[in-house]
Protein backbone atom coordinates (compact mmCIF):
# COMPACT_ATOMS: atom_id res chain seq x y z
CA UNK A 1 27.67 -9.11 95.06
CA UNK A 2 30.64 -10.08 97.20
CA UNK A 3 32.57 -13.31 96.74
CA UNK A 4 31.31 -14.52 100.12
CA UNK A 5 27.70 -13.90 99.14
CA UNK A 6 28.14 -15.72 95.85
CA UNK A 7 29.69 -18.70 97.59
CA UNK A 8 26.95 -18.77 100.23
CA UNK A 9 24.24 -18.88 97.60
CA UNK A 10 26.05 -21.52 95.61
CA UNK A 11 26.69 -23.74 98.60
CA UNK A 12 23.04 -23.48 99.67
CA UNK A 13 21.91 -24.31 96.14
CA UNK A 14 24.28 -27.26 95.99
CA UNK A 15 23.05 -28.54 99.35
CA UNK A 16 19.42 -28.23 98.27
CA UNK A 17 20.16 -30.01 95.03
CA UNK A 18 21.95 -32.82 96.86
CA UNK A 19 19.13 -33.06 99.41
CA UNK A 20 16.39 -33.30 96.81
CA UNK A 21 18.36 -35.93 94.93
CA UNK A 22 18.81 -37.93 98.11
CA UNK A 23 15.11 -37.73 98.98
CA UNK A 24 13.97 -38.71 95.51
CA UNK A 25 10.65 -37.72 93.89
CA UNK A 26 7.32 -37.42 95.67
CA UNK A 27 5.58 -40.40 94.03
CA UNK A 28 5.28 -43.63 96.01
CA UNK A 29 5.74 -46.79 93.99
CA UNK A 30 5.95 -50.40 94.96
CA UNK A 31 7.43 -51.52 91.67
CA UNK A 32 10.76 -53.20 92.24
CA UNK A 33 13.54 -52.02 90.02
CA UNK A 34 16.15 -54.43 88.70
CA UNK A 35 19.56 -54.33 90.38
CA UNK A 36 21.99 -51.85 88.88
CA UNK A 37 24.52 -53.19 86.39
CA UNK A 38 27.90 -54.18 87.72
CA UNK A 39 30.33 -51.24 87.79
CA UNK A 40 33.02 -51.19 85.12
CA UNK A 41 36.48 -52.40 86.09
CA UNK A 42 38.46 -49.83 88.01
CA UNK A 43 41.00 -48.04 85.81
CA UNK A 44 44.63 -48.92 86.32
CA UNK A 45 46.05 -45.70 84.90
CA UNK A 46 44.85 -42.31 86.06
CA UNK A 47 47.31 -40.38 83.85
CA UNK A 48 49.08 -38.36 86.53
CA UNK A 49 52.40 -38.53 84.60
CA UNK A 50 55.28 -36.86 86.48
CA UNK A 51 52.94 -36.16 89.40
CA UNK A 52 52.21 -39.88 89.82
CA UNK A 53 52.59 -40.89 93.47
CA UNK A 54 55.47 -43.34 93.82
CA UNK A 55 55.21 -47.11 93.95
CA UNK A 56 58.08 -49.61 93.61
CA UNK A 57 57.92 -51.26 90.21
CA UNK A 58 59.06 -54.75 91.23
CA UNK A 59 58.57 -57.04 94.18
CA UNK A 60 61.90 -57.24 96.00
CA UNK A 61 61.38 -60.99 96.46
CA UNK A 62 61.87 -61.41 92.71
CA UNK A 63 65.22 -59.60 92.51
CA UNK A 64 68.11 -61.52 90.99
CA UNK A 65 70.49 -62.60 93.74
CA UNK A 66 74.22 -61.86 93.42
CA UNK A 67 76.19 -64.65 91.73
CA UNK A 68 77.76 -67.26 93.96
CA UNK A 69 80.73 -65.87 95.88
CA UNK A 70 79.62 -62.22 95.60
CA UNK A 71 78.24 -60.05 98.39
CA UNK A 72 77.09 -56.43 98.50
CA UNK A 73 79.77 -53.93 99.43
CA UNK A 74 78.24 -50.56 98.46
CA UNK A 75 75.00 -48.96 97.30
CA UNK A 76 74.14 -45.54 95.91
CA UNK A 77 71.09 -43.71 94.64
CA UNK A 78 69.71 -40.50 93.28
CA UNK A 79 66.06 -39.80 94.03
CA UNK A 80 63.54 -37.15 93.18
CA UNK A 81 61.83 -35.51 96.14
CA UNK A 82 58.59 -37.12 97.28
CA UNK A 83 55.04 -36.16 96.36
CA UNK A 84 54.44 -32.48 96.98
CA UNK A 85 51.79 -29.82 96.80
CA UNK A 86 51.56 -27.23 94.05
CA UNK A 87 54.83 -25.41 93.49
CA UNK A 88 53.26 -21.94 93.71
CA UNK A 89 50.00 -19.99 93.62
CA UNK A 90 49.22 -20.31 89.92
CA UNK A 91 46.98 -23.07 88.51
CA UNK A 92 44.64 -23.03 91.50
CA UNK A 93 44.17 -19.27 91.49
CA UNK A 94 43.68 -19.07 87.71
CA UNK A 95 41.00 -21.79 87.83
CA UNK A 96 39.35 -20.16 90.82
CA UNK A 97 39.13 -16.80 89.03
CA UNK A 98 37.50 -18.51 86.05
CA UNK A 99 35.07 -20.29 88.35
CA UNK A 100 34.26 -17.06 90.22
CA UNK A 101 33.31 -15.31 86.98
CA UNK A 102 31.05 -18.20 86.00
CA UNK A 103 29.51 -18.17 89.48
CA UNK A 104 28.73 -14.46 89.24
CA UNK A 105 26.87 -15.08 85.97
CA UNK A 106 24.97 -18.15 87.11
CA UNK A 107 26.89 -20.13 84.48
CA UNK A 108 27.73 -23.19 86.62
CA UNK A 109 26.43 -26.71 86.18
CA UNK A 110 25.60 -28.85 89.21
CA UNK A 111 29.09 -30.32 89.00
CA UNK A 112 30.58 -26.87 88.46
CA UNK A 113 29.05 -25.66 91.71
CA UNK A 114 31.43 -27.94 93.58
CA UNK A 115 34.60 -26.93 91.76
CA UNK A 116 35.18 -23.57 93.47
CA UNK A 117 34.92 -24.86 97.03
CA UNK A 118 37.26 -27.74 96.15
CA UNK A 119 39.79 -25.34 94.65
CA UNK A 120 39.68 -23.27 97.83
CA UNK A 121 40.28 -26.37 99.95
CA UNK A 122 43.30 -27.22 97.81
CA UNK A 123 44.53 -23.64 97.95
CA UNK A 124 44.26 -23.41 101.72
CA UNK A 125 46.07 -26.74 102.12
CA UNK A 126 48.94 -25.42 99.98
CA UNK A 127 49.14 -22.13 101.89
CA UNK A 128 49.57 -24.09 105.13
CA UNK A 129 51.39 -27.13 103.74
CA UNK A 130 53.88 -28.53 106.23
CA UNK A 131 52.80 -26.42 109.16
CA UNK A 132 53.20 -28.42 112.36
CA UNK A 133 55.00 -31.25 110.55
CA UNK A 134 58.36 -32.13 112.15
CA UNK A 135 61.07 -31.75 109.54
CA UNK A 136 59.33 -29.06 107.46
CA UNK A 137 61.06 -25.78 108.21
CA UNK A 138 59.06 -23.36 106.04
CA UNK A 139 55.34 -24.13 105.52
CA UNK A 140 53.64 -23.36 102.23
CA UNK A 141 53.59 -24.16 98.54
CA UNK A 142 56.12 -26.65 97.21
CA UNK A 143 56.51 -28.69 100.37
CA UNK A 144 56.23 -32.44 100.57
CA UNK A 145 52.90 -33.87 101.64
CA UNK A 146 52.37 -36.83 103.94
CA UNK A 147 52.29 -39.02 100.85
CA UNK A 148 55.75 -37.73 99.91
CA UNK A 149 57.10 -38.19 103.41
CA UNK A 150 55.88 -41.78 103.41
CA UNK A 151 57.41 -42.39 99.96
CA UNK A 152 60.93 -41.60 101.12
CA UNK A 153 60.49 -43.18 104.52
CA UNK A 154 59.46 -46.46 102.92
CA UNK A 155 62.05 -46.21 100.13
CA UNK A 156 64.73 -46.04 102.84
CA UNK A 157 63.31 -48.99 104.72
CA UNK A 158 63.26 -51.11 101.56
CA UNK A 159 66.87 -50.20 100.74
CA UNK A 160 67.90 -51.16 104.26
CA UNK A 161 65.97 -54.41 104.06
CA UNK A 162 67.56 -55.27 100.71
CA UNK A 163 71.02 -54.79 102.18
CA UNK A 164 70.34 -55.95 105.74
CA UNK A 165 73.53 -58.02 105.94
CA UNK A 166 75.70 -55.16 104.68
CA UNK A 167 74.37 -52.61 107.14
CA UNK A 168 74.47 -55.04 110.04
CA UNK A 169 78.12 -55.67 109.25
CA UNK A 170 78.77 -51.91 109.02
CA UNK A 171 77.17 -51.32 112.41
CA UNK A 172 79.12 -54.22 113.90
CA UNK A 173 82.47 -52.85 112.77
CA UNK A 174 81.71 -49.13 113.22
CA UNK A 175 84.05 -48.82 116.22
CA UNK A 176 87.09 -50.13 114.34
CA UNK A 177 86.31 -49.54 110.65
CA UNK A 178 83.64 -46.84 110.34
CA UNK A 179 82.02 -46.43 106.94
CA UNK A 180 80.05 -43.30 106.10
CA UNK A 181 76.56 -42.93 104.68
CA UNK A 182 77.03 -39.77 102.64
CA UNK A 183 73.95 -37.60 102.03
CA UNK A 184 73.78 -34.76 99.49
CA UNK A 185 70.90 -32.69 98.18
CA UNK A 186 70.19 -29.87 95.76
CA UNK A 187 69.76 -27.49 98.67
CA UNK A 188 66.10 -26.82 97.78
CA UNK A 189 63.73 -27.36 100.70
CA UNK A 190 61.77 -30.33 99.36
CA UNK A 191 64.94 -32.16 98.32
CA UNK A 192 66.59 -31.41 101.67
CA UNK A 193 63.46 -32.61 103.46
CA UNK A 194 63.32 -35.77 101.35
CA UNK A 195 66.87 -36.59 102.35
CA UNK A 196 66.02 -35.99 105.99
CA UNK A 197 62.92 -38.18 105.89
CA UNK A 198 64.89 -40.88 104.07
CA UNK A 199 67.59 -40.86 106.73
CA UNK A 200 64.95 -40.83 109.47
CA UNK A 201 63.39 -43.91 107.83
CA UNK A 202 66.75 -45.69 107.89
CA UNK A 203 67.38 -44.83 111.51
CA UNK A 204 63.92 -45.98 112.55
CA UNK A 205 65.00 -49.43 111.38
CA UNK A 206 68.65 -49.29 112.43
CA UNK A 207 69.26 -46.48 114.96
CA UNK A 208 72.98 -47.27 115.28
CA UNK A 209 73.54 -45.95 111.74
CA UNK A 210 73.06 -42.40 113.04
CA UNK A 211 76.74 -41.89 113.82
CA UNK A 212 77.70 -42.90 110.28
CA UNK A 213 75.54 -40.34 108.45
CA UNK A 214 77.61 -37.49 107.02
CA UNK A 215 77.00 -34.35 104.98
CA UNK A 216 80.05 -33.31 102.92
CA UNK A 217 81.07 -29.73 102.40
CA UNK A 218 79.54 -28.04 99.37
CA UNK A 219 81.75 -27.58 96.28
CA UNK A 220 83.57 -24.31 95.97
CA UNK A 221 83.08 -21.83 97.35
CA UNK A 222 81.82 -20.10 94.21
CA UNK A 223 82.04 -17.55 92.71
CA UNK A 224 85.72 -17.13 93.44
CA UNK A 225 85.48 -13.32 93.49
CA UNK A 226 82.58 -13.25 95.97
CA UNK A 227 82.06 -16.69 97.51
CA UNK A 228 78.57 -17.68 98.59
CA UNK A 229 78.55 -20.23 101.38
CA UNK A 230 76.34 -23.29 100.89
CA UNK A 231 75.18 -25.56 103.75
CA UNK A 232 76.99 -28.86 104.21
CA UNK A 233 75.36 -31.59 102.18
CA UNK A 234 74.48 -29.21 99.33
CA UNK A 235 75.74 -29.84 95.81
CA UNK A 236 74.02 -27.75 93.16
CA UNK A 237 76.43 -28.84 90.42
CA UNK A 238 75.49 -32.45 91.04
CA UNK A 239 71.79 -32.12 91.84
CA UNK A 240 70.57 -28.74 90.54
CA UNK A 241 72.55 -28.56 87.33
CA UNK A 242 69.61 -27.28 85.29
CA UNK A 243 69.59 -23.91 87.09
CA UNK A 244 73.16 -22.92 87.86
CA UNK A 245 73.48 -19.14 88.07
CA UNK A 246 76.35 -16.68 88.23
CA UNK A 247 75.34 -15.30 91.62
CA UNK A 248 76.02 -18.58 93.44
CA UNK A 249 77.65 -20.95 90.95
CA UNK A 250 79.88 -19.00 88.56
CA UNK A 251 82.87 -21.09 87.46
CA UNK A 252 85.12 -18.82 85.45
CA UNK A 253 88.27 -20.93 85.32
CA UNK A 254 88.18 -23.29 82.33
CA UNK A 255 90.55 -25.68 84.13
CA UNK A 256 88.10 -26.12 87.01
CA UNK A 257 86.52 -29.63 86.89
CA UNK A 258 83.07 -28.03 87.28
CA UNK A 259 83.53 -25.52 84.44
CA UNK A 260 81.98 -27.87 81.86
CA UNK A 261 78.94 -28.55 84.06
CA UNK A 262 78.41 -24.82 84.49
CA UNK A 263 78.67 -24.22 80.75
CA UNK A 264 76.30 -27.11 79.99
CA UNK A 265 73.80 -25.61 82.43
CA UNK A 266 73.97 -22.27 80.64
CA UNK A 267 73.45 -24.04 77.31
CA UNK A 268 70.35 -25.77 78.69
CA UNK A 269 68.98 -22.50 80.03
CA UNK A 270 69.56 -20.94 76.62
CA UNK A 271 67.65 -23.86 75.10
CA UNK A 272 64.64 -22.97 77.27
CA UNK A 273 64.44 -19.70 75.30
CA UNK A 274 64.99 -21.34 71.90
CA UNK A 275 62.48 -20.45 69.18
CA UNK A 276 62.13 -24.09 68.13
CA UNK A 277 61.23 -25.11 71.67
CA UNK A 278 58.70 -22.27 71.91
CA UNK A 279 57.14 -23.37 68.62
CA UNK A 280 56.83 -26.98 69.77
CA UNK A 281 55.35 -25.98 73.11
CA UNK A 282 52.83 -23.70 71.42
CA UNK A 283 51.85 -26.39 68.92
CA UNK A 284 50.95 -28.85 71.68
CA UNK A 285 47.90 -26.92 72.91
CA UNK A 286 47.19 -25.37 69.49
CA UNK A 287 46.19 -28.78 68.15
CA UNK A 288 42.43 -28.86 67.42
CA UNK A 289 42.22 -32.01 69.55
CA UNK A 290 43.26 -29.93 72.57
CA UNK A 291 40.36 -27.54 72.02
CA UNK A 292 37.97 -30.46 71.63
CA UNK A 293 39.17 -32.10 74.84
CA UNK A 294 39.03 -28.76 76.61
CA UNK A 295 35.41 -28.20 75.63
CA UNK A 296 34.42 -31.62 76.93
CA UNK A 297 35.96 -30.80 80.32
CA UNK A 298 34.57 -27.28 80.55
CA UNK A 299 31.01 -27.97 79.41
CA UNK A 300 30.61 -30.37 82.30
CA UNK A 301 31.35 -27.45 84.65
CA UNK A 302 30.06 -24.33 82.88
CA UNK A 303 27.24 -23.42 80.53
CA UNK A 304 27.92 -23.62 76.82
CA UNK A 305 27.53 -19.85 76.50
CA UNK A 306 30.26 -19.29 79.10
CA UNK A 307 32.56 -21.80 77.42
CA UNK A 308 31.92 -20.11 74.07
CA UNK A 309 33.12 -16.80 75.53
CA UNK A 310 36.42 -18.40 76.54
CA UNK A 311 36.83 -19.89 73.08
CA UNK A 312 36.09 -16.59 71.36
CA UNK A 313 38.54 -14.71 73.55
CA UNK A 314 35.84 -12.59 75.16
CA UNK A 315 36.85 -14.00 78.53
CA UNK A 316 40.35 -14.64 79.78
CA UNK A 317 41.71 -15.24 83.26
CA UNK A 318 44.98 -15.45 85.15
CA UNK A 319 46.34 -16.10 88.62
CA UNK A 320 45.72 -12.60 89.98
CA UNK A 321 44.58 -11.59 93.45
CA UNK A 322 45.64 -12.14 97.06
CA UNK A 323 44.58 -14.60 99.73
CA UNK A 324 45.35 -15.07 103.41
CA UNK A 325 45.01 -18.28 105.39
CA UNK A 326 45.82 -19.05 109.01
CA UNK A 327 46.45 -22.34 110.76
CA UNK A 328 43.77 -23.73 113.07
CA UNK A 329 45.77 -22.73 116.14
CA UNK A 330 46.24 -19.19 114.81
CA UNK A 331 50.01 -19.36 115.15
CA UNK A 332 50.81 -19.32 111.44
CA UNK A 333 49.38 -16.99 108.82
CA UNK A 334 50.31 -16.82 105.15
CA UNK A 335 49.38 -14.11 102.64
CA UNK A 336 50.23 -14.62 98.99
CA UNK A 337 49.45 -12.89 95.71
CA UNK A 338 49.35 -14.38 92.25
CA UNK A 339 51.79 -13.03 89.68
CA UNK A 340 49.37 -13.07 86.74
CA UNK A 341 51.73 -15.19 84.66
CA UNK A 342 49.53 -18.30 84.46
CA UNK A 343 46.93 -17.37 81.84
CA UNK A 344 43.70 -18.99 80.73
CA UNK A 345 43.08 -17.67 77.23
CA UNK A 346 41.49 -20.60 75.44
CA UNK A 347 39.73 -23.89 76.04
CA UNK A 348 42.89 -26.00 76.02
CA UNK A 349 44.60 -23.75 78.56
CA UNK A 350 41.54 -23.75 80.80
CA UNK A 351 41.27 -27.54 80.87
CA UNK A 352 45.01 -28.00 81.25
CA UNK A 353 44.94 -25.83 84.39
CA UNK A 354 42.20 -28.04 85.82
CA UNK A 355 44.31 -31.07 84.86
CA UNK A 356 47.16 -29.65 86.97
CA UNK A 357 44.85 -29.67 90.00
CA UNK A 358 43.62 -33.15 89.13
CA UNK A 359 47.16 -34.58 89.14
CA UNK A 360 48.26 -32.91 92.39
CA UNK A 361 45.19 -33.83 94.45
CA UNK A 362 46.22 -37.48 95.10
CA UNK A 363 49.45 -36.27 96.73
CA UNK A 364 47.42 -34.02 99.04
CA UNK A 365 44.75 -36.45 100.19
CA UNK A 366 45.77 -36.06 103.84
CA UNK A 367 46.01 -32.26 103.74
CA UNK A 368 43.19 -31.22 101.38
CA UNK A 369 40.96 -34.29 101.18
CA UNK A 370 39.61 -33.37 97.77
CA UNK A 371 38.98 -35.56 94.74
CA UNK A 372 39.34 -33.82 91.39
CA UNK A 373 38.56 -36.90 89.30
CA UNK A 374 34.91 -35.81 88.77
CA UNK A 375 36.22 -32.72 86.98
CA UNK A 376 38.57 -34.59 84.67
CA UNK A 377 37.11 -37.64 82.86
CA UNK A 378 39.70 -40.33 82.16
CA UNK A 379 39.59 -39.89 78.40
CA UNK A 380 40.42 -36.21 78.73
CA UNK A 381 42.91 -36.93 81.52
CA UNK A 382 44.74 -39.17 79.05
CA UNK A 383 44.77 -36.41 76.47
CA UNK A 384 46.11 -33.75 78.82
CA UNK A 385 48.61 -36.27 80.16
CA UNK A 386 49.88 -36.48 76.60
CA UNK A 387 50.20 -32.69 76.39
CA UNK A 388 52.19 -32.72 79.65
CA UNK A 389 54.43 -35.52 78.39
CA UNK A 390 54.99 -33.69 75.13
CA UNK A 391 55.95 -30.49 76.93
CA UNK A 392 58.39 -32.32 79.23
CA UNK A 393 59.78 -34.41 76.36
CA UNK A 394 60.82 -31.27 74.50
CA UNK A 395 61.85 -29.20 77.49
CA UNK A 396 64.08 -31.65 79.37
CA UNK A 397 63.55 -35.09 77.86
CA UNK A 398 65.25 -36.51 74.75
CA UNK A 399 63.97 -33.60 72.66
CA UNK A 400 64.77 -32.71 69.07
CA UNK A 401 67.32 -34.72 67.11
CA UNK A 402 68.91 -31.68 65.53
CA UNK A 403 69.55 -30.10 68.94
CA UNK A 404 71.87 -32.88 70.03
CA UNK A 405 72.41 -33.52 73.74
CA UNK A 406 71.53 -30.05 75.05
CA UNK A 407 68.81 -31.41 77.34
CA UNK A 408 70.94 -34.05 79.04
CA UNK A 409 74.62 -33.24 78.52
CA UNK A 410 74.62 -31.37 81.86
CA UNK A 411 73.97 -34.73 83.61
CA UNK A 412 77.50 -35.91 82.78
CA UNK A 413 78.74 -34.77 86.18
CA UNK A 414 76.14 -36.92 87.93
CA UNK A 415 77.01 -39.92 85.78
CA UNK A 416 80.68 -39.41 86.60
CA UNK A 417 79.88 -39.26 90.29
CA UNK A 418 78.08 -42.61 90.17
CA UNK A 419 81.10 -44.20 88.49
CA UNK A 420 83.60 -42.42 90.75
CA UNK A 421 81.96 -43.90 93.83
CA UNK A 422 82.39 -47.40 92.43
CA UNK A 423 85.94 -46.57 91.34
CA UNK A 424 86.76 -45.88 94.98
CA UNK A 425 85.44 -49.31 95.96
CA UNK A 426 87.48 -50.88 93.17
CA UNK A 427 90.58 -49.25 94.65
CA UNK A 428 89.79 -50.65 98.07
CA UNK A 429 88.70 -47.29 99.45
CA UNK A 430 85.79 -48.36 101.64
CA UNK A 431 85.18 -45.10 103.48
CA UNK A 432 81.57 -45.04 102.30
CA UNK A 433 78.96 -47.75 102.45
CA UNK A 434 76.34 -45.65 100.65
CA UNK A 435 75.88 -42.36 98.85
CA UNK A 436 72.37 -40.92 98.87
CA UNK A 437 71.42 -38.00 96.61
CA UNK A 438 68.12 -36.07 96.59
CA UNK A 439 67.02 -33.86 93.75
CA UNK A 440 64.23 -33.07 91.28
CA UNK A 441 62.48 -34.23 88.11
CA UNK A 442 64.72 -31.82 86.18
CA UNK A 443 67.66 -33.94 87.32
CA UNK A 444 66.16 -37.43 87.03
CA UNK A 445 64.82 -36.90 83.50
CA UNK A 446 68.11 -35.72 81.92
CA UNK A 447 70.04 -38.36 83.88
CA UNK A 448 67.82 -41.15 82.53
CA UNK A 449 68.52 -39.84 79.02
CA UNK A 450 72.24 -39.55 79.70
CA UNK A 451 72.32 -43.17 80.87
CA UNK A 452 70.58 -44.23 77.65
CA UNK A 453 67.82 -46.22 79.34
CA UNK A 454 65.46 -48.21 77.15
CA UNK A 455 62.31 -46.32 76.10
CA UNK A 456 63.88 -43.10 77.33
CA UNK A 457 66.48 -41.81 74.88
CA UNK A 458 64.57 -41.66 71.57
CA UNK A 459 64.65 -38.23 69.96
CA UNK A 460 62.25 -36.80 67.39
CA UNK A 461 63.31 -34.82 64.29
CA UNK A 462 62.42 -31.14 64.19
CA UNK A 463 59.99 -31.75 61.32
CA UNK A 464 58.02 -34.32 63.38
CA UNK A 465 55.87 -33.83 66.47
CA UNK A 466 56.27 -36.11 69.46
CA UNK A 467 53.28 -38.40 69.88
CA UNK A 468 52.34 -41.49 71.84
CA UNK A 469 52.30 -43.36 68.56
CA UNK A 470 55.87 -42.53 67.51
CA UNK A 471 57.68 -42.44 70.85
CA UNK A 472 57.73 -44.57 74.04
CA UNK A 473 58.78 -41.72 76.38
CA UNK A 474 56.33 -41.31 79.26
CA UNK A 475 56.69 -39.05 82.29
CA UNK A 476 55.14 -41.52 84.72
CA UNK A 477 57.83 -44.06 83.82
CA UNK A 478 60.81 -41.73 83.76
CA UNK A 479 60.06 -39.49 86.72
CA UNK A 480 57.07 -40.12 88.96
CA UNK A 481 57.29 -38.56 92.39
CA UNK A 482 60.25 -39.98 94.36
CA UNK A 483 61.66 -41.49 91.14
CA UNK A 484 65.04 -43.03 91.78
CA UNK A 485 68.00 -44.83 90.28
CA UNK A 486 70.01 -47.15 92.52
CA UNK A 487 73.24 -49.02 91.86
CA UNK A 488 74.07 -52.03 94.00
CA UNK A 489 77.73 -53.05 93.94
CA UNK A 490 78.81 -56.60 94.79
CA UNK A 491 82.33 -58.01 95.11
CA UNK A 492 83.94 -61.44 95.37
CA UNK A 493 87.09 -62.58 97.15
CA UNK A 494 89.27 -61.80 94.15
CA UNK A 495 88.04 -58.18 94.03
CA UNK A 496 85.87 -58.45 90.93
CA UNK A 497 83.06 -55.88 91.05
CA UNK A 498 79.60 -56.27 89.55
CA UNK A 499 76.93 -53.57 89.36
CA UNK A 500 73.15 -53.94 89.19
CA UNK A 501 70.84 -51.02 88.47
CA UNK A 502 67.35 -50.50 89.85
CA UNK A 503 65.21 -47.82 88.24
CA UNK A 504 62.21 -47.03 90.41
CA UNK A 505 63.13 -50.25 92.20
CA UNK A 506 62.84 -52.38 89.08
CA UNK A 507 65.88 -54.28 87.80
CA UNK A 508 66.79 -52.31 84.70
CA UNK A 509 69.29 -52.77 81.92
CA UNK A 510 72.04 -50.30 81.24
CA UNK A 511 72.10 -48.96 77.69
CA UNK A 512 71.92 -51.58 74.95
CA UNK A 513 75.50 -50.93 73.83
CA UNK A 514 76.64 -52.39 77.15
CA UNK A 515 75.01 -55.81 76.79
CA UNK A 516 78.48 -57.29 76.37
CA UNK A 517 79.30 -56.21 79.92
CA UNK A 518 76.68 -58.52 81.47
CA UNK A 519 78.20 -60.98 83.89
CA UNK A 520 76.08 -63.75 82.37
CA UNK A 521 73.42 -64.01 79.67
CA UNK A 522 70.22 -62.21 80.70
CA UNK A 523 71.73 -61.20 84.05
CA UNK A 524 71.11 -57.74 85.49
CA UNK A 525 74.61 -57.79 86.99
CA UNK A 526 77.28 -56.12 84.86
CA UNK A 527 81.04 -56.49 85.07
CA UNK A 528 82.09 -53.08 86.35
CA UNK A 529 85.30 -52.77 84.34
CA UNK A 530 83.47 -53.50 81.09
CA UNK A 531 80.54 -51.28 82.04
CA UNK A 532 82.84 -48.37 82.77
CA UNK A 533 84.56 -48.80 79.42
CA UNK A 534 81.20 -48.97 77.65
CA UNK A 535 80.18 -45.58 79.06
CA UNK A 536 83.59 -44.10 78.27
CA UNK A 537 84.10 -43.18 81.89
CA UNK A 538 87.47 -42.19 83.25
CA UNK A 539 88.04 -41.77 86.99
CA UNK A 540 88.14 -38.26 88.38
CA UNK A 541 91.67 -37.01 89.15
């Protein structure tokens, strides 16, 4: 039987089932039934972790005002790209292949009947993601969704509102004392697009800022022997430091200021192949609790006999096969094939793949319009959120005590850049009014560790497994979609500089060792000179 025939039968069966349920039974009764019980309170945590759509974590009206005599002179940020679709054809195709096998055997529950069509809706939306959207140059997987576009648009508007007086002053003096708004990105499409949507959001509020926006030349060129040109506004060393490669980024001269960043990137990439990391990652889904949670998820969708075959190893699946989708106007067509490298070999893997679709669906509500929450009960969502947090914790979070700073040392260059921007202000160099950087979770997570933020930098010994009970690290706190760190710099007439940090737009303390740098007890403003000394920062030459 062809796939189309299977789907046709299933959709007809599902429609008949829904119709009969809507019509009710054939018996007529005049007995009044009591009103249904009140629904339970709506959950406040859906366990999307690093795929959590962005929301500011503090009302701007409650922000601490600068001390008397101080006014804002500069602001800077680094932000993750906004909410996106799936990064590639993997989880969706693997789940669909599993579903298709169950469909061919008549092994679907009533709920399971709906899963395949919903996966196809999500898949089609990802194939065409960004088509027809101004600002998206290459449609398809990995692009920002409308949710992500709105996240950065609104983030920009809030930044501009927070510093309305500063930017009004900048516009007013642009003819005589122009100050730049410098924009840099990793060079990857979704980060570039995030920067563009952020800038567009600023200009929608204050159009006269357009002439002040600048994109600096990329570092380099590198490698010296065969330079590869990078577009203006691209800085991979600053905002893609987890994946520096010899072909585009080789720094061979040890005296080059970027040599250390390149070497730290190589060390991190070596860590990704470390046997201890592999063992930790394997142990996460090998836990019996993962199999138990997986069975709960799967038996709501498939018959027990089918689930048993996955558990026994009789059935396995992967993201194999090809699909083609075209836009409604027929002007864009995309054909993609799975690479077979996203396996489903056990119950935990199967449910974790469904979890990946569950967490991405909220970002794609405008494009796909599907709700995966029926397929992932909250209790199991919480469990698979833990497995995702554990994987990220070891891969690029604080990690294993014995491994030292391998997962965040490469963020030193970004930390230096934040301090160097403020150093320039301290020296009276006011060429910039803002520096805006756009990157990825793989940048935000190590940077949060490098800065030593509370509830972020707490490692776990090799002999101990990360758990929610022994560690406060959570992906939805450290790096939701559009996660960001902002520094606001204020100055008084005597030239004293204070810095306040916002993390996901919440006033946030610098590392505990720097409490002595606070301008006043319990203040979120820090004396810049003392803060710089606390972090051991020295200005770039």
